[in-house]
C-alpha atoms as a PDB file:
ATOM      1  CA  MET A   1      -0.013  -0.112  -0.265  1.00  0.00           C
ATOM      2  CA  PHE A   2       2.892   2.337   0.853  1.00  0.00           C
ATOM      3  CA  GLU A   3       6.010   2.813  -0.996  1.00  0.00           C
ATOM      4  CA  SER A   4       8.837   2.945   1.045  1.00  0.00           C
ATOM      5  CA  ARG A   5      10.857   6.106   0.019  1.00  0.00           C
ATOM      6  CA  VAL A   6      13.918   5.854   2.437  1.00  0.00           C
ATOM      7  CA  HIS A   7      17.162   6.425   1.024  1.00  0.00           C
ATOM      8  CA  PRO A   8      19.233   3.355   0.887  1.00  0.00           C
ATOM      9  CA  SER A   9      21.997   4.722   2.820  1.00  0.00           C
ATOM     10  CA  LEU A  10      19.849   5.986   5.675  1.00  0.00           C
ATOM     11  CA  PRO A  11      19.864   3.081   7.761  1.00  0.00           C
ATOM     12  CA  ALA A  12      23.536   3.136   7.307  1.00  0.00           C
ATOM     13  CA  LEU A  13      23.777   6.820   8.789  1.00  0.00           C
ATOM     14  CA  THR A  14      21.229   5.998  11.776  1.00  0.00           C
ATOM     15  CA  ARG A  15      22.911   3.285  13.171  1.00  0.00           C
ATOM     16  CA  PRO A  16      26.109   4.951  13.998  1.00  0.00           C
ATOM     17  CA  LEU A  17      23.757   8.300  15.261  1.00  0.00           C
ATOM     18  CA  SER A  18      21.685   5.680  17.189  1.00  0.00           C
ATOM     19  CA  ARG A  19      25.105   4.056  18.905  1.00  0.00           C
ATOM     20  CA  LEU A  20      26.178   7.619  19.804  1.00  0.00           C
ATOM     21  CA  ALA A  21      23.055   8.557  21.245  1.00  0.00           C
ATOM     22  CA  GLY A  22      22.785   5.499  23.241  1.00  0.00           C
ATOM     23  CA  ARG A  23      26.197   6.084  24.587  1.00  0.00           C
ATOM     24  CA  TYR A  24      25.628   9.516  25.699  1.00  0.00           C
ATOM     25  CA  LEU A  25      21.887   9.018  26.708  1.00  0.00           C
ATOM     26  CA  GLU A  26      23.516   7.783  30.133  1.00  0.00           C
ATOM     27  CA  PHE A  27      24.607  11.509  30.947  1.00  0.00           C
ATOM     28  CA  GLY A  28      21.542  12.983  30.113  1.00  0.00           C
ATOM     29  CA  PRO A  29      20.262  12.707  33.956  1.00  0.00           C
ATOM     30  CA  ILE A  30      23.021  14.623  35.084  1.00  0.00           C
ATOM     31  CA  LEU A  31      22.784  17.417  32.291  1.00  0.00           C
ATOM     32  CA  VAL A  32      19.000  17.782  32.869  1.00  0.00           C
ATOM     33  CA  PHE A  33      19.924  18.128  36.635  1.00  0.00           C
ATOM     34  CA  ALA A  34      22.735  20.707  35.717  1.00  0.00           C
ATOM     35  CA  GLY A  35      20.371  22.810  33.111  1.00  0.00           C
ATOM     36  CA  LEU A  36      17.545  22.621  36.066  1.00  0.00           C
ATOM     37  CA  GLY A  37      20.071  24.830  38.188  1.00  0.00           C
ATOM     38  CA  SER A  38      19.589  27.731  36.125  1.00  0.00           C
ATOM     39  CA  LEU A  39      15.721  27.914  36.729  1.00  0.00           C
ATOM     40  CA  GLU A  40      15.134  30.242  39.585  1.00  0.00           C
ATOM     41  CA  ASN A  41      11.831  28.837  40.637  1.00  0.00           C
ATOM     42  CA  LEU A  42      12.679  25.167  40.827  1.00  0.00           C
ATOM     43  CA  SER A  43      13.836  23.921  44.360  1.00  0.00           C
ATOM     44  CA  THR A  44      16.707  21.487  45.197  1.00  0.00           C
ATOM     45  CA  PRO A  45      14.558  18.713  46.209  1.00  0.00           C
ATOM     46  CA  ASP A  46      12.640  19.174  42.804  1.00  0.00           C
ATOM     47  CA  ARG A  47      15.894  19.047  40.780  1.00  0.00           C
ATOM     48  CA  PHE A  48      16.763  15.887  42.608  1.00  0.00           C
ATOM     49  CA  LEU A  49      13.263  14.592  42.432  1.00  0.00           C
ATOM     50  CA  ILE A  50      13.578  15.027  38.365  1.00  0.00           C
ATOM     51  CA  GLY A  51      17.272  14.254  38.007  1.00  0.00           C
ATOM     52  CA  GLY A  52      16.911  11.015  40.323  1.00  0.00           C
ATOM     53  CA  GLY A  53      13.928   9.911  38.622  1.00  0.00           C
ATOM     54  CA  LEU A  54      15.781  10.261  35.196  1.00  0.00           C
ATOM     55  CA  ALA A  55      18.872   8.521  36.371  1.00  0.00           C
ATOM     56  CA  ALA A  56      16.676   5.830  37.507  1.00  0.00           C
ATOM     57  CA  ALA A  57      15.163   5.183  34.400  1.00  0.00           C
ATOM     58  CA  VAL A  58      18.243   5.173  32.323  1.00  0.00           C
ATOM     59  CA  LEU A  59      19.833   3.056  34.628  1.00  0.00           C
ATOM     60  CA  LEU A  60      17.071   0.669  34.540  1.00  0.00           C
ATOM     61  CA  SER A  61      16.982   0.728  30.776  1.00  0.00           C
ATOM     62  CA  ARG A  62      20.707   0.202  30.635  1.00  0.00           C
ATOM     63  CA  LEU A  63      20.424  -3.151  33.149  1.00  0.00           C
ATOM     64  CA  LEU A  64      17.108  -4.211  30.818  1.00  0.00           C
ATOM     65  CA  GLY A  65      19.566  -3.860  27.636  1.00  0.00           C
ATOM     66  CA  ASN A  66      22.353  -5.697  29.769  1.00  0.00           C
ATOM     67  CA  LYS A  67      24.691  -2.743  28.743  1.00  0.00           C
ATOM     68  CA  ARG A  68      27.551  -1.605  30.958  1.00  0.00           C
ATOM     69  CA  SER A  69      27.214   1.830  32.616  1.00  0.00           C
ATOM     70  CA  ASN A  70      30.034   4.426  32.447  1.00  0.00           C
ATOM     71  CA  SER A  71      31.396   4.734  35.645  1.00  0.00           C
ATOM     72  CA  LEU A  72      31.170   8.729  35.888  1.00  0.00           C
ATOM     73  CA  ALA A  73      27.609   8.572  34.842  1.00  0.00           C
ATOM     74  CA  LEU A  74      26.673   5.703  37.405  1.00  0.00           C
ATOM     75  CA  GLY A  75      28.175   7.784  40.135  1.00  0.00           C
ATOM     76  CA  ALA A  76      26.201  10.752  38.953  1.00  0.00           C
ATOM     77  CA  ASP A  77      23.369   8.876  38.980  1.00  0.00           C
ATOM     78  CA  LEU A  78      24.183   7.546  42.548  1.00  0.00           C
ATOM     79  CA  PHE A  79      24.456  11.283  43.334  1.00  0.00           C
ATOM     80  CA  MET A  80      20.600  11.931  42.174  1.00  0.00           C
ATOM     81  CA  ILE A  81      18.876   8.620  43.321  1.00  0.00           C
ATOM     82  CA  LEU A  82      20.387   9.433  46.840  1.00  0.00           C
ATOM     83  CA  GLY A  83      19.132  12.872  46.838  1.00  0.00           C
ATOM     84  CA  SER A  84      15.580  12.239  45.555  1.00  0.00           C
ATOM     85  CA  CYS A  85      15.495   9.635  47.754  1.00  0.00           C
ATOM     86  CA  ALA A  86      16.355  11.829  50.449  1.00  0.00           C
ATOM     87  CA  TRP A  87      13.209  14.052  49.644  1.00  0.00           C
ATOM     88  CA  LEU A  88      11.038  11.537  48.891  1.00  0.00           C
ATOM     89  CA  CYS A  89      11.529   9.770  52.305  1.00  0.00           C
ATOM     90  CA  HIS A  90      11.963  12.464  54.349  1.00  0.00           C
ATOM     91  CA  PHE A  91      15.275  11.041  55.814  1.00  0.00           C
ATOM     92  CA  GLU A  92      16.578  14.295  57.553  1.00  0.00           C
ATOM     93  CA  PRO A  93      20.048  13.274  57.985  1.00  0.00           C
ATOM     94  CA  LEU A  94      20.509  12.550  54.311  1.00  0.00           C
ATOM     95  CA  MET A  95      18.780  15.513  53.341  1.00  0.00           C
ATOM     96  CA  HIS A  96      20.809  17.924  55.407  1.00  0.00           C
ATOM     97  CA  GLY A  97      24.060  15.998  54.325  1.00  0.00           C
ATOM     98  CA  MET A  98      22.968  16.582  50.483  1.00  0.00           C
ATOM     99  CA  GLN A  99      22.408  20.343  51.469  1.00  0.00           C
ATOM    100  CA  ALA A 100      25.643  20.676  53.205  1.00  0.00           C
ATOM    101  CA  MET A 101      27.842  18.973  50.493  1.00  0.00           C
ATOM    102  CA  GLU A 102      26.010  20.952  47.378  1.00  0.00           C
ATOM    103  CA  GLU A 103      28.268  19.612  44.363  1.00  0.00           C
ATOM    104  CA  SER A 104      30.984  17.842  46.609  1.00  0.00           C
ATOM    105  CA  GLY A 105      28.364  15.143  47.026  1.00  0.00           C
ATOM    106  CA  LEU A 106      28.668  14.390  43.558  1.00  0.00           C
ATOM    107  CA  PHE A 107      32.221  13.812  43.907  1.00  0.00           C
ATOM    108  CA  ALA A 108      31.866  11.869  47.006  1.00  0.00           C
ATOM    109  CA  ALA A 109      29.466   9.311  44.824  1.00  0.00           C
ATOM    110  CA  LEU A 110      32.074   9.103  41.958  1.00  0.00           C
ATOM    111  CA  LEU A 111      34.829   7.971  44.572  1.00  0.00           C
ATOM    112  CA  LEU A 112      32.508   5.439  45.963  1.00  0.00           C
ATOM    113  CA  VAL A 113      31.619   4.132  42.664  1.00  0.00           C
ATOM    114  CA  GLY A 114      35.304   4.058  41.292  1.00  0.00           C
ATOM    115  CA  LEU A 115      36.511   2.438  44.514  1.00  0.00           C
ATOM    116  CA  ALA A 116      33.786  -0.258  44.262  1.00  0.00           C
ATOM    117  CA  ARG A 117      34.449  -0.684  40.519  1.00  0.00           C
ATOM    118  CA  THR A 118      38.082  -0.744  40.628  1.00  0.00           C
ATOM    119  CA  LEU A 119      37.678  -3.622  43.561  1.00  0.00           C
ATOM    120  CA  ILE A 120      35.104  -5.436  42.040  1.00  0.00           C
ATOM    121  CA  ILE A 121      34.740  -5.152  38.637  1.00  0.00           C
ATOM    122  CA  PRO A 122      37.450  -6.400  35.797  1.00  0.00           C
ATOM    123  CA  GLY A 123      37.260  -2.961  33.766  1.00  0.00           C
ATOM    124  CA  GLY A 124      37.568  -0.867  37.040  1.00  0.00           C
ATOM    125  CA  PHE A 125      36.622   2.761  37.178  1.00  0.00           C
ATOM    126  CA  ILE A 126      38.386   3.429  33.699  1.00  0.00           C
ATOM    127  CA  ASP A 127      35.537   0.711  32.163  1.00  0.00           C
ATOM    128  CA  GLU A 128      38.243  -1.212  30.326  1.00  0.00           C
ATOM    129  CA  PRO A 129      37.180  -4.894  31.249  1.00  0.00           C
ATOM    130  CA  ASP A 130      39.594  -6.427  28.236  1.00  0.00           C
ATOM    131  CA  ALA A 131      42.832  -4.324  29.206  1.00  0.00           C
ATOM    132  CA  ASP A 132      45.533  -5.819  31.306  1.00  0.00           C
ATOM    133  CA  PRO A 133      44.517  -6.044  35.022  1.00  0.00           C
ATOM    134  CA  SER A 134      47.566  -3.781  36.616  1.00  0.00           C
ATOM    135  CA  ALA A 135      46.799  -1.145  34.025  1.00  0.00           C
ATOM    136  CA  VAL A 136      43.335  -0.890  34.758  1.00  0.00           C
ATOM    137  CA  THR A 137      44.439  -0.555  38.516  1.00  0.00           C
ATOM    138  CA  ARG A 138      46.875   1.940  37.359  1.00  0.00           C
ATOM    139  CA  GLY A 139      44.261   3.999  35.234  1.00  0.00           C
ATOM    140  CA  SER A 140      41.547   3.618  37.904  1.00  0.00           C
ATOM    141  CA  ALA A 141      43.764   5.129  40.721  1.00  0.00           C
ATOM    142  CA  MET A 142      44.720   7.857  38.685  1.00  0.00           C
ATOM    143  CA  LEU A 143      41.001   8.634  37.810  1.00  0.00           C
ATOM    144  CA  MET A 144      40.047   8.419  41.658  1.00  0.00           C
ATOM    145  CA  ALA A 145      43.198  10.960  42.666  1.00  0.00           C
ATOM    146  CA  ALA A 146      41.543  12.918  40.137  1.00  0.00           C
ATOM    147  CA  VAL A 147      37.944  12.786  41.722  1.00  0.00           C
ATOM    148  CA  GLY A 148      39.774  13.210  44.864  1.00  0.00           C
ATOM    149  CA  MET A 149      41.004  16.451  43.585  1.00  0.00           C
ATOM    150  CA  ALA A 150      37.962  17.650  42.108  1.00  0.00           C
ATOM    151  CA  LEU A 151      36.130  16.917  45.499  1.00  0.00           C
ATOM    152  CA  SER A 152      38.779  19.264  47.516  1.00  0.00           C
ATOM    153  CA  LEU A 153      37.913  21.920  44.619  1.00  0.00           C
ATOM    154  CA  SER A 154      34.435  21.630  45.266  1.00  0.00           C
ATOM    155  CA  LEU A 155      34.949  21.842  49.233  1.00  0.00           C
ATOM    156  CA  LEU A 156      37.047  25.269  48.538  1.00  0.00           C
ATOM    157  CA  VAL A 157      35.002  26.588  45.725  1.00  0.00           C
ATOM    158  CA  SER A 158      31.598  27.976  46.795  1.00  0.00           C
ATOM    159  CA  GLY A 159      30.804  29.735  43.712  1.00  0.00           C
ATOM    160  CA  PRO A 160      28.733  29.117  40.590  1.00  0.00           C
ATOM    161  CA  GLU A 161      27.893  25.472  40.137  1.00  0.00           C
ATOM    162  CA  TRP A 162      29.498  25.259  36.770  1.00  0.00           C
ATOM    163  CA  LEU A 163      32.829  26.118  38.309  1.00  0.00           C
ATOM    164  CA  ALA A 164      32.362  23.789  41.437  1.00  0.00           C
ATOM    165  CA  ALA A 165      30.792  20.658  39.400  1.00  0.00           C
ATOM    166  CA  GLY A 166      30.324  21.323  36.084  1.00  0.00           C
ATOM    167  CA  LEU A 167      34.142  22.045  34.945  1.00  0.00           C
ATOM    168  CA  PRO A 168      35.756  19.419  36.812  1.00  0.00           C
ATOM    169  CA  PHE A 169      32.799  16.765  35.860  1.00  0.00           C
ATOM    170  CA  VAL A 170      33.939  17.513  32.044  1.00  0.00           C
ATOM    171  CA  LEU A 171      38.069  17.250  33.048  1.00  0.00           C
ATOM    172  CA  LEU A 172      37.229  13.821  34.380  1.00  0.00           C
ATOM    173  CA  LEU A 173      35.569  12.583  31.346  1.00  0.00           C
ATOM    174  CA  LEU A 174      38.139  13.760  29.246  1.00  0.00           C
ATOM    175  CA  LEU A 175      40.538  12.212  31.643  1.00  0.00           C
ATOM    176  CA  GLN A 176      38.793   8.852  31.457  1.00  0.00           C
ATOM    177  CA  SER A 177      38.970   9.028  28.033  1.00  0.00           C
ATOM    178  CA  LEU A 178      42.431   9.719  27.889  1.00  0.00           C
ATOM    179  CA  LEU A 179      43.229   7.012  30.260  1.00  0.00           C
ATOM    180  CA  LYS A 180      40.912   4.468  28.685  1.00  0.00           C
ATOM    181  CA  ARG A 181      43.307   4.752  25.516  1.00  0.00           C
ATOM    182  CA  ARG A 182      46.320   4.532  27.434  1.00  0.00           C
ATOM    183  CA  TYR A 183      45.243   1.639  29.258  1.00  0.00           C
ATOM    184  CA  GLY A 184      42.379   0.255  27.118  1.00  0.00           C
ATOM    185  CA  GLU A 185      45.029  -1.984  25.262  1.00  0.00           C
ATOM    186  CA  PRO A 186      43.950  -5.603  24.961  1.00  0.00           C
ATOM    187  CA  LYS A 187      45.622  -8.010  27.501  1.00  0.00           C
ATOM    188  CA  SER A 188      48.850  -9.592  26.249  1.00  0.00           C
ATOM    189  CA  GLU A 189      51.711 -11.970  27.593  1.00  0.00           C
ATOM    190  CA  GLY A 190      54.293 -10.054  28.965  1.00  0.00           C
ATOM    191  CA  SER A 191      53.143  -6.631  28.094  1.00  0.00           C
ATOM    192  CA  SER A 192      53.723  -3.762  30.396  1.00  0.00           C
ATOM    193  CA  ASN A 193      52.568  -0.223  30.477  1.00  0.00           C
END
Protein backbone atom coordinates (compact mmCIF):
# COMPACT_ATOMS: atom_id res chain seq x y z
CA MET A 1 0.00 0.00 0.00
CA PHE A 2 2.68 2.48 1.03
CA GLU A 3 5.85 2.52 -0.95
CA SER A 4 9.05 2.95 1.02
CA ARG A 5 10.87 6.07 -0.06
CA VAL A 6 13.73 5.74 2.40
CA HIS A 7 17.08 6.41 0.85
CA PRO A 8 19.18 3.20 0.85
CA SER A 9 22.02 4.84 2.79
CA LEU A 10 19.75 6.15 5.59
CA PRO A 11 19.94 2.99 7.78
CA ALA A 12 23.73 3.03 7.44
CA LEU A 13 23.77 6.63 8.64
CA THR A 14 21.31 6.18 11.49
CA ARG A 15 23.05 3.16 13.08
CA PRO A 16 26.14 5.11 14.20
CA LEU A 17 23.95 8.01 15.34
CA SER A 18 21.80 5.59 17.32
CA ARG A 19 24.88 4.05 18.97
CA LEU A 20 26.27 7.49 19.76
CA ALA A 21 22.97 8.63 21.26
CA GLY A 22 22.77 5.44 23.34
CA ARG A 23 26.31 5.92 24.55
CA TYR A 24 25.70 9.47 25.75
CA LEU A 25 22.10 9.01 26.87
CA GLU A 26 23.40 7.86 30.23
CA PHE A 27 24.72 11.39 30.82
CA GLY A 28 21.29 12.88 30.11
CA PRO A 29 20.11 12.90 33.75
CA ILE A 30 23.12 14.86 35.04
CA LEU A 31 22.82 17.29 32.14
CA VAL A 32 19.13 17.84 32.92
CA PHE A 33 19.94 18.20 36.63
CA ALA A 34 22.59 20.82 35.82
CA GLY A 35 20.29 22.64 33.41
CA LEU A 36 17.52 22.76 36.00
CA GLY A 37 19.93 24.64 38.27
CA SER A 38 19.54 27.70 36.06
CA LEU A 39 15.81 27.87 36.76
CA GLU A 40 15.23 30.28 39.62
CA ASN A 41 11.80 28.99 40.61
CA LEU A 42 12.82 25.31 40.89
CA SER A 43 13.82 24.07 44.34
CA THR A 44 16.71 21.75 45.09
CA PRO A 45 14.37 18.90 46.09
CA ASP A 46 12.55 19.26 42.76
CA ARG A 47 15.87 19.12 40.89
CA PHE A 48 16.79 15.93 42.72
CA LEU A 49 13.37 14.37 42.12
CA ILE A 50 13.54 15.07 38.38
CA GLY A 51 17.22 14.15 38.01
CA GLY A 52 16.90 11.08 40.23
CA GLY A 53 13.83 9.89 38.35
CA LEU A 54 15.61 10.24 35.02
CA ALA A 55 18.72 8.55 36.43
CA ALA A 56 16.67 5.61 37.69
CA ALA A 57 14.95 5.28 34.30
CA VAL A 58 18.24 5.34 32.39
CA LEU A 59 19.85 2.85 34.79
CA LEU A 60 16.87 0.53 34.47
CA SER A 61 17.00 0.71 30.67
CA ARG A 62 20.73 -0.07 30.71
CA LEU A 63 20.20 -2.99 33.08
CA LEU A 64 17.35 -4.39 30.98
CA GLY A 65 19.46 -3.95 27.84
CA ASN A 66 22.37 -5.66 29.62
CA LYS A 67 24.62 -2.69 28.89
CA ARG A 68 27.48 -1.60 31.10
CA SER A 69 27.19 1.94 32.43
CA ASN A 70 30.02 4.44 32.35
CA SER A 71 31.45 4.71 35.87
CA LEU A 72 31.21 8.51 35.93
CA ALA A 73 27.60 8.44 34.74
CA LEU A 74 26.84 5.77 37.35
CA GLY A 75 28.33 7.95 40.11
CA ALA A 76 26.29 10.94 38.97
CA ASP A 77 23.18 8.76 38.90
CA LEU A 78 23.91 7.51 42.42
CA PHE A 79 24.24 11.12 43.62
CA MET A 80 20.88 12.12 42.11
CA ILE A 81 19.06 8.96 43.21
CA LEU A 82 20.31 9.37 46.79
CA GLY A 83 19.19 13.00 46.72
CA SER A 84 15.75 12.14 45.40
CA CYS A 85 15.34 9.34 47.97
CA ALA A 86 16.32 11.75 50.74
CA TRP A 87 13.52 14.14 49.82
CA LEU A 88 10.97 11.49 48.89
CA CYS A 89 11.43 9.62 52.17
CA HIS A 90 12.00 12.79 54.22
CA PHE A 91 15.17 11.23 55.62
CA GLU A 92 16.49 14.22 57.55
CA PRO A 93 20.17 13.19 57.98
CA LEU A 94 20.57 12.51 54.27
CA MET A 95 18.64 15.67 53.34
CA HIS A 96 20.90 17.79 55.54
CA GLY A 97 23.99 15.98 54.26
CA MET A 98 23.02 16.60 50.64
CA GLN A 99 22.37 20.28 51.35
CA ALA A 100 25.63 20.69 53.27
CA MET A 101 27.79 18.92 50.68
CA GLU A 102 26.19 20.61 47.66
CA GLU A 103 28.31 19.80 44.59
CA SER A 104 30.83 17.88 46.68
CA GLY A 105 28.27 15.11 47.06
CA LEU A 106 28.62 14.38 43.36
CA PHE A 107 32.35 13.78 43.69
CA ALA A 108 31.90 11.73 46.87
CA ALA A 109 29.49 9.48 44.93
CA LEU A 110 32.02 9.25 42.08
CA LEU A 111 34.73 8.18 44.54
CA LEU A 112 32.44 5.53 46.00
CA VAL A 113 31.64 4.12 42.56
CA GLY A 114 35.31 4.34 41.52
CA LEU A 115 36.50 2.43 44.56
CA ALA A 116 33.80 -0.23 44.24
CA ARG A 117 34.37 -0.75 40.52
CA THR A 118 38.15 -0.87 40.91
CA LEU A 119 37.88 -3.54 43.60
CA ILE A 120 35.05 -5.60 42.09
CA ILE A 121 34.65 -5.10 38.32
CA PRO A 122 37.31 -6.24 35.82
CA GLY A 123 37.17 -2.93 33.88
CA GLY A 124 37.73 -0.86 37.01
CA PHE A 125 36.90 2.84 37.18
CA ILE A 126 38.17 3.41 33.63
CA ASP A 127 35.65 0.90 32.20
CA GLU A 128 38.12 -1.25 30.24
CA PRO A 129 37.31 -4.92 30.97
CA ASP A 130 39.57 -6.27 28.20
CA ALA A 131 42.71 -4.48 29.38
CA ASP A 132 45.53 -5.81 31.51
CA PRO A 133 44.33 -5.85 35.16
CA SER A 134 47.39 -4.02 36.50
CA ALA A 135 46.95 -1.31 33.83
CA VAL A 136 43.27 -1.00 34.77
CA THR A 137 44.24 -0.62 38.43
CA ARG A 138 46.80 2.10 37.59
CA GLY A 139 44.35 3.97 35.36
CA SER A 140 41.58 3.65 37.93
CA ALA A 141 43.87 4.93 40.70
CA MET A 142 44.76 7.97 38.57
CA LEU A 143 41.10 8.69 37.87
CA MET A 144 40.23 8.33 41.58
CA ALA A 145 43.04 10.74 42.47
CA ALA A 146 41.60 13.23 40.00
CA VAL A 147 38.12 12.77 41.51
CA GLY A 148 39.67 13.39 44.94
CA MET A 149 41.13 16.65 43.64
CA ALA A 150 37.75 17.61 42.18
CA LEU A 151 36.14 16.85 45.55
CA SER A 152 38.69 19.09 47.29
CA LEU A 153 38.14 21.85 44.76
CA SER A 154 34.37 21.67 45.15
CA LEU A 155 34.74 21.94 48.93
CA LEU A 156 36.97 25.01 48.57
CA VAL A 157 35.12 26.82 45.79
CA SER A 158 31.77 28.21 46.82
CA GLY A 159 30.73 29.81 43.63
CA PRO A 160 28.79 29.02 40.51
CA GLU A 161 27.78 25.39 40.10
CA TRP A 162 29.44 25.18 36.69
CA LEU A 163 32.81 25.98 38.31
CA ALA A 164 32.42 23.81 41.40
CA ALA A 165 30.93 20.78 39.65
CA GLY A 166 30.37 21.21 35.90
CA LEU A 167 33.90 21.99 34.75
CA PRO A 168 35.58 19.38 36.98
CA PHE A 169 33.06 16.73 35.82
CA VAL A 170 33.81 17.46 32.16
CA LEU A 171 37.55 17.33 32.88
CA LEU A 172 37.06 13.95 34.59
CA LEU A 173 35.25 12.67 31.48
CA LEU A 174 38.16 13.80 29.33
CA LEU A 175 40.68 12.19 31.69
CA GLN A 176 38.70 8.94 31.70
CA SER A 177 38.76 8.93 27.90
CA LEU A 178 42.53 9.52 27.87
CA LEU A 179 43.11 6.79 30.45
CA LYS A 180 40.97 4.38 28.44
CA ARG A 181 43.17 5.03 25.42
CA ARG A 182 46.36 4.69 27.44
CA TYR A 183 45.46 1.63 29.50
CA GLY A 184 42.71 0.10 27.40
CA GLU A 185 45.01 -2.01 25.26
CA PRO A 186 43.98 -5.68 25.14
CA LYS A 187 45.64 -8.10 27.54
CA SER A 188 48.74 -9.69 26.17
CA GLU A 189 51.44 -11.96 27.48
CA GLY A 190 54.35 -10.03 28.90
CA SER A 191 52.94 -6.57 28.19
CA SER A 192 53.89 -3.79 30.54
CA ASN A 193 52.28 -0.35 30.62
